[in-house]
């Protein structure tokens, strides 16, 4: 990160991002993500597993870069996502820090599967 943006003070995930998006097999955009996540042991019955995994994924050694956006900055993290089955799951997560948020929290936006590591 540049000194202009700094590192987020915290990372947050709206509960609906997990239960009504990533773990909803019927969601138009989230359904394919659920199909990717389910074999790794993430289920609607245990949304906390995915919440913990996403929060642990957003760490400095997975930081892949940032892109300034309108009144915000988007943060990209790439690497292995911890899973309940301990299988290797490679993903990109996207987080956003809004310029007008005095808490400097980065909120979870989405997850994208990446090719499995060799």
C-alpha atoms as a PDB file:
ATOM      1  CA  UNK A   1       0.000   0.000   0.000  1.00  0.00           C
ATOM      2  CA  UNK A   2       1.111   3.535  -0.502  1.00  0.00           C
ATOM      3  CA  UNK A   3       1.424   5.918   2.447  1.00  0.00           C
ATOM      4  CA  UNK A   4      -1.529   7.789   0.927  1.00  0.00           C
ATOM      5  CA  UNK A   5      -3.899   4.876   1.660  1.00  0.00           C
ATOM      6  CA  UNK A   6      -2.281   3.012   4.536  1.00  0.00           C
ATOM      7  CA  UNK A   7      -3.211  -0.415   5.858  1.00  0.00           C
ATOM      8  CA  UNK A   8      -6.829  -0.943   6.996  1.00  0.00           C
ATOM      9  CA  UNK A   9      -7.475  -0.645  10.713  1.00  0.00           C
ATOM     10  CA  UNK A  10      -9.775  -3.687  10.484  1.00  0.00           C
ATOM     11  CA  UNK A  11     -11.535  -6.027   8.071  1.00  0.00           C
ATOM     12  CA  UNK A  12     -15.292  -6.556   8.188  1.00  0.00           C
ATOM     13  CA  UNK A  13     -17.760  -8.870   6.486  1.00  0.00           C
ATOM     14  CA  UNK A  14     -21.489  -8.223   6.355  1.00  0.00           C
ATOM     15  CA  UNK A  15     -23.192 -11.468   7.428  1.00  0.00           C
ATOM     16  CA  UNK A  16     -25.384 -11.420   4.290  1.00  0.00           C
ATOM     17  CA  UNK A  17     -22.251 -11.541   2.105  1.00  0.00           C
ATOM     18  CA  UNK A  18     -21.717 -15.031   3.441  1.00  0.00           C
ATOM     19  CA  UNK A  19     -25.207 -16.410   4.056  1.00  0.00           C
ATOM     20  CA  UNK A  20     -27.129 -14.743   1.207  1.00  0.00           C
ATOM     21  CA  UNK A  21     -24.308 -14.616  -1.369  1.00  0.00           C
ATOM     22  CA  UNK A  22     -21.329 -16.976  -1.054  1.00  0.00           C
ATOM     23  CA  UNK A  23     -23.189 -19.843   0.634  1.00  0.00           C
ATOM     24  CA  UNK A  24     -26.454 -19.491  -1.291  1.00  0.00           C
ATOM     25  CA  UNK A  25     -26.599 -22.066  -4.112  1.00  0.00           C
ATOM     26  CA  UNK A  26     -29.527 -20.169  -5.677  1.00  0.00           C
ATOM     27  CA  UNK A  27     -27.918 -16.722  -5.801  1.00  0.00           C
ATOM     28  CA  UNK A  28     -27.276 -15.667  -9.451  1.00  0.00           C
ATOM     29  CA  UNK A  29     -23.682 -14.573  -8.732  1.00  0.00           C
ATOM     30  CA  UNK A  30     -23.012 -16.465  -5.521  1.00  0.00           C
ATOM     31  CA  UNK A  31     -24.273 -19.872  -6.676  1.00  0.00           C
ATOM     32  CA  UNK A  32     -21.133 -20.691  -8.689  1.00  0.00           C
ATOM     33  CA  UNK A  33     -18.995 -19.499  -5.770  1.00  0.00           C
ATOM     34  CA  UNK A  34     -20.941 -21.815  -3.463  1.00  0.00           C
ATOM     35  CA  UNK A  35     -20.333 -24.680  -5.918  1.00  0.00           C
ATOM     36  CA  UNK A  36     -16.607 -23.897  -5.662  1.00  0.00           C
ATOM     37  CA  UNK A  37     -16.606 -23.562  -1.846  1.00  0.00           C
ATOM     38  CA  UNK A  38     -18.845 -26.519  -0.880  1.00  0.00           C
ATOM     39  CA  UNK A  39     -16.333 -29.291  -1.698  1.00  0.00           C
ATOM     40  CA  UNK A  40     -13.882 -27.584   0.678  1.00  0.00           C
ATOM     41  CA  UNK A  41     -16.346 -28.020   3.556  1.00  0.00           C
ATOM     42  CA  UNK A  42     -17.989 -24.591   3.617  1.00  0.00           C
ATOM     43  CA  UNK A  43     -21.721 -24.987   4.214  1.00  0.00           C
ATOM     44  CA  UNK A  44     -24.725 -22.772   4.990  1.00  0.00           C
ATOM     45  CA  UNK A  45     -24.970 -24.562   8.359  1.00  0.00           C
ATOM     46  CA  UNK A  46     -21.561 -23.203   9.407  1.00  0.00           C
ATOM     47  CA  UNK A  47     -21.151 -19.698   7.949  1.00  0.00           C
ATOM     48  CA  UNK A  48     -18.679 -18.821  10.708  1.00  0.00           C
ATOM     49  CA  UNK A  49     -16.131 -21.205   9.121  1.00  0.00           C
ATOM     50  CA  UNK A  50     -16.122 -19.134   5.946  1.00  0.00           C
ATOM     51  CA  UNK A  51     -16.099 -15.831   7.827  1.00  0.00           C
ATOM     52  CA  UNK A  52     -12.987 -16.875   9.778  1.00  0.00           C
ATOM     53  CA  UNK A  53     -11.290 -18.163   6.612  1.00  0.00           C
ATOM     54  CA  UNK A  54     -11.945 -14.926   4.710  1.00  0.00           C
ATOM     55  CA  UNK A  55     -10.661 -12.787   7.566  1.00  0.00           C
ATOM     56  CA  UNK A  56      -7.487 -14.862   7.851  1.00  0.00           C
ATOM     57  CA  UNK A  57      -6.970 -14.614   4.074  1.00  0.00           C
ATOM     58  CA  UNK A  58      -6.763 -10.802   4.269  1.00  0.00           C
ATOM     59  CA  UNK A  59      -3.226 -10.646   5.596  1.00  0.00           C
ATOM     60  CA  UNK A  60      -0.089  -8.902   4.425  1.00  0.00           C
ATOM     61  CA  UNK A  61       1.597 -11.974   2.945  1.00  0.00           C
ATOM     62  CA  UNK A  62      -1.441 -12.507   0.662  1.00  0.00           C
ATOM     63  CA  UNK A  63      -1.656  -8.826  -0.334  1.00  0.00           C
ATOM     64  CA  UNK A  64      -1.558  -8.632  -4.147  1.00  0.00           C
ATOM     65  CA  UNK A  65      -2.190  -4.932  -4.690  1.00  0.00           C
ATOM     66  CA  UNK A  66      -4.723  -2.153  -4.683  1.00  0.00           C
ATOM     67  CA  UNK A  67      -6.648  -0.076  -7.173  1.00  0.00           C
ATOM     68  CA  UNK A  68      -7.929   3.412  -6.396  1.00  0.00           C
ATOM     69  CA  UNK A  69     -11.643   3.643  -7.123  1.00  0.00           C
ATOM     70  CA  UNK A  70     -14.134   6.450  -6.911  1.00  0.00           C
ATOM     71  CA  UNK A  71     -14.117   7.572  -3.261  1.00  0.00           C
ATOM     72  CA  UNK A  72     -12.480   4.292  -2.199  1.00  0.00           C
ATOM     73  CA  UNK A  73      -9.587   1.924  -2.668  1.00  0.00           C
ATOM     74  CA  UNK A  74     -10.001  -1.757  -3.549  1.00  0.00           C
ATOM     75  CA  UNK A  75      -7.582  -4.208  -1.969  1.00  0.00           C
ATOM     76  CA  UNK A  76      -6.736  -7.554  -3.550  1.00  0.00           C
ATOM     77  CA  UNK A  77      -5.467 -10.600  -1.683  1.00  0.00           C
ATOM     78  CA  UNK A  78      -4.401 -13.838  -3.388  1.00  0.00           C
ATOM     79  CA  UNK A  79      -3.405 -17.133  -1.871  1.00  0.00           C
ATOM     80  CA  UNK A  80      -4.610 -20.222  -0.119  1.00  0.00           C
ATOM     81  CA  UNK A  81      -7.875 -19.970   1.779  1.00  0.00           C
ATOM     82  CA  UNK A  82      -7.938 -22.091   4.946  1.00  0.00           C
ATOM     83  CA  UNK A  83     -10.675 -24.704   4.615  1.00  0.00           C
ATOM     84  CA  UNK A  84     -12.477 -27.049   7.026  1.00  0.00           C
ATOM     85  CA  UNK A  85     -11.286 -30.039   4.977  1.00  0.00           C
ATOM     86  CA  UNK A  86      -7.672 -28.769   4.907  1.00  0.00           C
ATOM     87  CA  UNK A  87      -7.736 -29.085   1.110  1.00  0.00           C
ATOM     88  CA  UNK A  88      -5.875 -26.411  -0.815  1.00  0.00           C
ATOM     89  CA  UNK A  89      -8.137 -23.679  -2.160  1.00  0.00           C
ATOM     90  CA  UNK A  90      -6.524 -20.805  -4.055  1.00  0.00           C
ATOM     91  CA  UNK A  91      -8.597 -17.614  -4.220  1.00  0.00           C
ATOM     92  CA  UNK A  92      -8.543 -13.867  -4.726  1.00  0.00           C
ATOM     93  CA  UNK A  93     -10.523 -11.822  -2.235  1.00  0.00           C
ATOM     94  CA  UNK A  94     -11.498  -8.216  -2.843  1.00  0.00           C
ATOM     95  CA  UNK A  95     -12.011  -5.720  -0.037  1.00  0.00           C
ATOM     96  CA  UNK A  96     -12.858  -2.025  -0.144  1.00  0.00           C
ATOM     97  CA  UNK A  97     -11.889   0.916   2.062  1.00  0.00           C
ATOM     98  CA  UNK A  98     -14.211   3.875   1.576  1.00  0.00           C
ATOM     99  CA  UNK A  99     -12.633   7.334   1.744  1.00  0.00           C
ATOM    100  CA  UNK A 100     -15.399   8.684   3.988  1.00  0.00           C
ATOM    101  CA  UNK A 101     -15.151   5.859   6.569  1.00  0.00           C
ATOM    102  CA  UNK A 102     -13.324   7.267   9.614  1.00  0.00           C
ATOM    103  CA  UNK A 103     -12.831   3.739  11.014  1.00  0.00           C
ATOM    104  CA  UNK A 104     -10.558   2.838   8.057  1.00  0.00           C
ATOM    105  CA  UNK A 105     -12.215  -0.591   7.917  1.00  0.00           C
ATOM    106  CA  UNK A 106     -11.929  -2.670   4.770  1.00  0.00           C
ATOM    107  CA  UNK A 107     -15.184  -4.414   3.953  1.00  0.00           C
ATOM    108  CA  UNK A 108     -15.395  -7.686   2.071  1.00  0.00           C
ATOM    109  CA  UNK A 109     -16.665  -7.400  -1.514  1.00  0.00           C
ATOM    110  CA  UNK A 110     -16.172 -10.768  -3.227  1.00  0.00           C
ATOM    111  CA  UNK A 111     -14.141 -13.909  -3.731  1.00  0.00           C
ATOM    112  CA  UNK A 112     -12.863 -15.349  -6.996  1.00  0.00           C
ATOM    113  CA  UNK A 113     -11.457 -18.859  -7.434  1.00  0.00           C
ATOM    114  CA  UNK A 114      -7.943 -18.985  -8.853  1.00  0.00           C
ATOM    115  CA  UNK A 115      -6.127 -21.954 -10.419  1.00  0.00           C
ATOM    116  CA  UNK A 116      -4.939 -24.488  -7.889  1.00  0.00           C
ATOM    117  CA  UNK A 117      -1.305 -24.115  -6.862  1.00  0.00           C
ATOM    118  CA  UNK A 118       1.135 -26.659  -8.241  1.00  0.00           C
END
